[in-house]
Amino acid sequence: MAVYMRITVNGKRVDMSAGHECDPSKWNSHAGRAISTKEENHRMIIPKECRIEG
C-alpha cells in the first residue's frame, strides 16, 4: 500500500506520494495512520523536495 501525504501552505494544498510503502496489515484505517514502533517511524526519510529549510 503506497503512503501519500498532503501538505497545505498558505491555503494551497498538494497531495503527493511519500515514496514509502506500508504493509496493509500494519495500517489502522480508523486512525488513518500506520501501526508502528518508534524505530520504524525513524526509518521514514522525508524526501528532500518536501523538507522545509528555515
N, C-alpha and C. Protein backbone atom coordinates (compact mmCIF):
# COMPACT_ATOMS: atom_id res chain seq x y z
N MET A 1 0.86 -1.16 0.00
CA MET A 1 0.00 0.00 0.00
C MET A 1 0.91 1.23 0.00
N ALA A 2 0.73 2.12 -0.98
CA ALA A 2 1.53 3.34 -1.07
C ALA A 2 1.10 4.35 0.00
N VAL A 3 2.06 5.10 0.52
CA VAL A 3 1.79 6.13 1.51
C VAL A 3 1.80 7.48 0.79
N TYR A 4 0.75 8.25 0.99
CA TYR A 4 0.64 9.58 0.39
C TYR A 4 0.63 10.63 1.49
N MET A 5 1.00 11.83 1.13
CA MET A 5 0.96 12.92 2.11
C MET A 5 0.25 14.12 1.50
N ARG A 6 -0.31 14.93 2.37
CA ARG A 6 -0.99 16.16 1.96
C ARG A 6 -0.33 17.31 2.70
N ILE A 7 0.11 18.31 1.95
CA ILE A 7 0.76 19.48 2.53
C ILE A 7 -0.05 20.71 2.13
N THR A 8 -0.33 21.56 3.11
CA THR A 8 -1.05 22.81 2.85
C THR A 8 -0.19 23.98 3.32
N VAL A 9 0.08 24.92 2.42
CA VAL A 9 0.85 26.12 2.73
C VAL A 9 0.09 27.31 2.19
N ASN A 10 -0.19 28.24 3.06
CA ASN A 10 -0.93 29.46 2.67
C ASN A 10 -2.23 29.12 1.94
N GLY A 11 -2.93 28.09 2.40
CA GLY A 11 -4.21 27.71 1.83
C GLY A 11 -4.13 26.90 0.55
N LYS A 12 -2.92 26.64 0.04
CA LYS A 12 -2.76 25.83 -1.17
C LYS A 12 -2.38 24.42 -0.77
N ARG A 13 -3.15 23.45 -1.27
CA ARG A 13 -2.96 22.05 -0.88
C ARG A 13 -2.34 21.25 -2.02
N VAL A 14 -1.40 20.37 -1.65
CA VAL A 14 -0.76 19.47 -2.60
C VAL A 14 -0.78 18.07 -2.01
N ASP A 15 -1.21 17.09 -2.80
CA ASP A 15 -1.16 15.68 -2.42
C ASP A 15 -0.07 15.02 -3.26
N MET A 16 0.77 14.21 -2.61
CA MET A 16 1.83 13.54 -3.36
C MET A 16 2.26 12.26 -2.65
N SER A 17 2.93 11.40 -3.40
CA SER A 17 3.44 10.17 -2.82
C SER A 17 4.57 10.48 -1.86
N ALA A 18 4.61 9.78 -0.74
CA ALA A 18 5.70 9.95 0.22
C ALA A 18 6.89 9.08 -0.15
N GLY A 19 6.71 8.24 -1.18
CA GLY A 19 7.81 7.38 -1.61
C GLY A 19 8.03 6.18 -0.70
N HIS A 20 7.02 5.83 0.08
CA HIS A 20 7.12 4.71 1.01
C HIS A 20 5.93 3.77 0.81
N GLU A 21 6.10 2.55 1.27
CA GLU A 21 5.04 1.55 1.24
C GLU A 21 4.71 1.15 2.67
N CYS A 22 3.47 0.70 2.88
CA CYS A 22 3.05 0.23 4.20
C CYS A 22 2.34 -1.11 4.02
N ASP A 23 2.73 -2.07 4.80
CA ASP A 23 2.06 -3.37 4.80
C ASP A 23 0.62 -3.14 5.26
N PRO A 24 -0.37 -3.54 4.45
CA PRO A 24 -1.77 -3.31 4.82
C PRO A 24 -2.15 -3.84 6.21
N SER A 25 -1.47 -4.89 6.66
CA SER A 25 -1.78 -5.43 8.00
C SER A 25 -1.29 -4.50 9.10
N LYS A 26 -0.45 -3.51 8.77
CA LYS A 26 0.05 -2.55 9.76
C LYS A 26 -0.60 -1.18 9.59
N TRP A 27 -1.78 -1.15 8.93
CA TRP A 27 -2.48 0.12 8.71
C TRP A 27 -3.73 0.17 9.56
N ASN A 28 -3.92 1.24 10.34
CA ASN A 28 -5.11 1.43 11.15
C ASN A 28 -6.04 2.35 10.38
N SER A 29 -7.04 1.79 9.71
CA SER A 29 -7.97 2.57 8.89
C SER A 29 -8.75 3.58 9.71
N HIS A 30 -9.12 3.21 10.92
CA HIS A 30 -9.90 4.12 11.77
C HIS A 30 -9.11 5.38 12.11
N ALA A 31 -7.82 5.19 12.46
CA ALA A 31 -6.97 6.33 12.82
C ALA A 31 -6.36 7.02 11.60
N GLY A 32 -6.35 6.31 10.46
CA GLY A 32 -5.76 6.88 9.26
C GLY A 32 -4.25 6.97 9.31
N ARG A 33 -3.62 6.00 9.99
CA ARG A 33 -2.17 6.01 10.09
C ARG A 33 -1.64 4.59 10.31
N ALA A 34 -0.33 4.46 10.16
CA ALA A 34 0.32 3.17 10.32
C ALA A 34 0.45 2.81 11.80
N ILE A 35 0.42 1.52 12.07
CA ILE A 35 0.69 0.99 13.39
C ILE A 35 2.17 0.62 13.36
N SER A 36 3.00 1.36 14.09
CA SER A 36 4.43 1.10 14.01
C SER A 36 5.12 1.45 15.33
N THR A 37 6.36 1.00 15.41
CA THR A 37 7.18 1.31 16.58
C THR A 37 7.94 2.60 16.31
N LYS A 38 8.53 3.16 17.33
CA LYS A 38 9.36 4.36 17.17
C LYS A 38 10.49 4.10 16.17
N GLU A 39 11.09 2.92 16.26
CA GLU A 39 12.19 2.58 15.37
C GLU A 39 11.74 2.60 13.90
N GLU A 40 10.56 2.04 13.63
CA GLU A 40 10.03 2.05 12.26
C GLU A 40 9.76 3.47 11.79
N ASN A 41 9.25 4.32 12.69
CA ASN A 41 8.98 5.71 12.33
C ASN A 41 10.26 6.45 11.99
N HIS A 42 11.33 6.16 12.69
CA HIS A 42 12.60 6.84 12.44
C HIS A 42 13.20 6.45 11.10
N ARG A 43 12.80 5.32 10.56
CA ARG A 43 13.31 4.88 9.26
C ARG A 43 12.68 5.64 8.11
N MET A 44 11.56 6.31 8.36
CA MET A 44 10.90 7.08 7.31
C MET A 44 11.75 8.31 7.01
N ILE A 45 12.17 8.43 5.79
CA ILE A 45 13.02 9.56 5.39
C ILE A 45 12.19 10.53 4.57
N ILE A 46 12.19 11.78 4.96
CA ILE A 46 11.42 12.80 4.25
C ILE A 46 12.19 13.17 2.99
N PRO A 47 11.55 13.07 1.81
CA PRO A 47 12.24 13.42 0.56
C PRO A 47 12.72 14.89 0.60
N LYS A 48 13.88 15.14 0.00
CA LYS A 48 14.48 16.47 0.04
C LYS A 48 13.52 17.55 -0.45
N GLU A 49 12.75 17.26 -1.49
CA GLU A 49 11.83 18.27 -2.04
C GLU A 49 10.69 18.61 -1.09
N CYS A 50 10.52 17.83 -0.01
CA CYS A 50 9.45 18.08 0.95
C CYS A 50 9.97 18.75 2.23
N ARG A 51 11.26 18.88 2.36
CA ARG A 51 11.83 19.49 3.56
C ARG A 51 11.64 20.99 3.54
N ILE A 52 11.41 21.54 4.73
CA ILE A 52 11.26 22.98 4.86
C ILE A 52 12.52 23.51 5.52
N GLU A 53 13.28 24.28 4.79
CA GLU A 53 14.51 24.86 5.30
C GLU A 53 14.18 26.21 5.91
N GLY A 54 14.70 26.50 7.10
CA GLY A 54 14.37 27.74 7.78
C GLY A 54 15.45 28.71 7.69
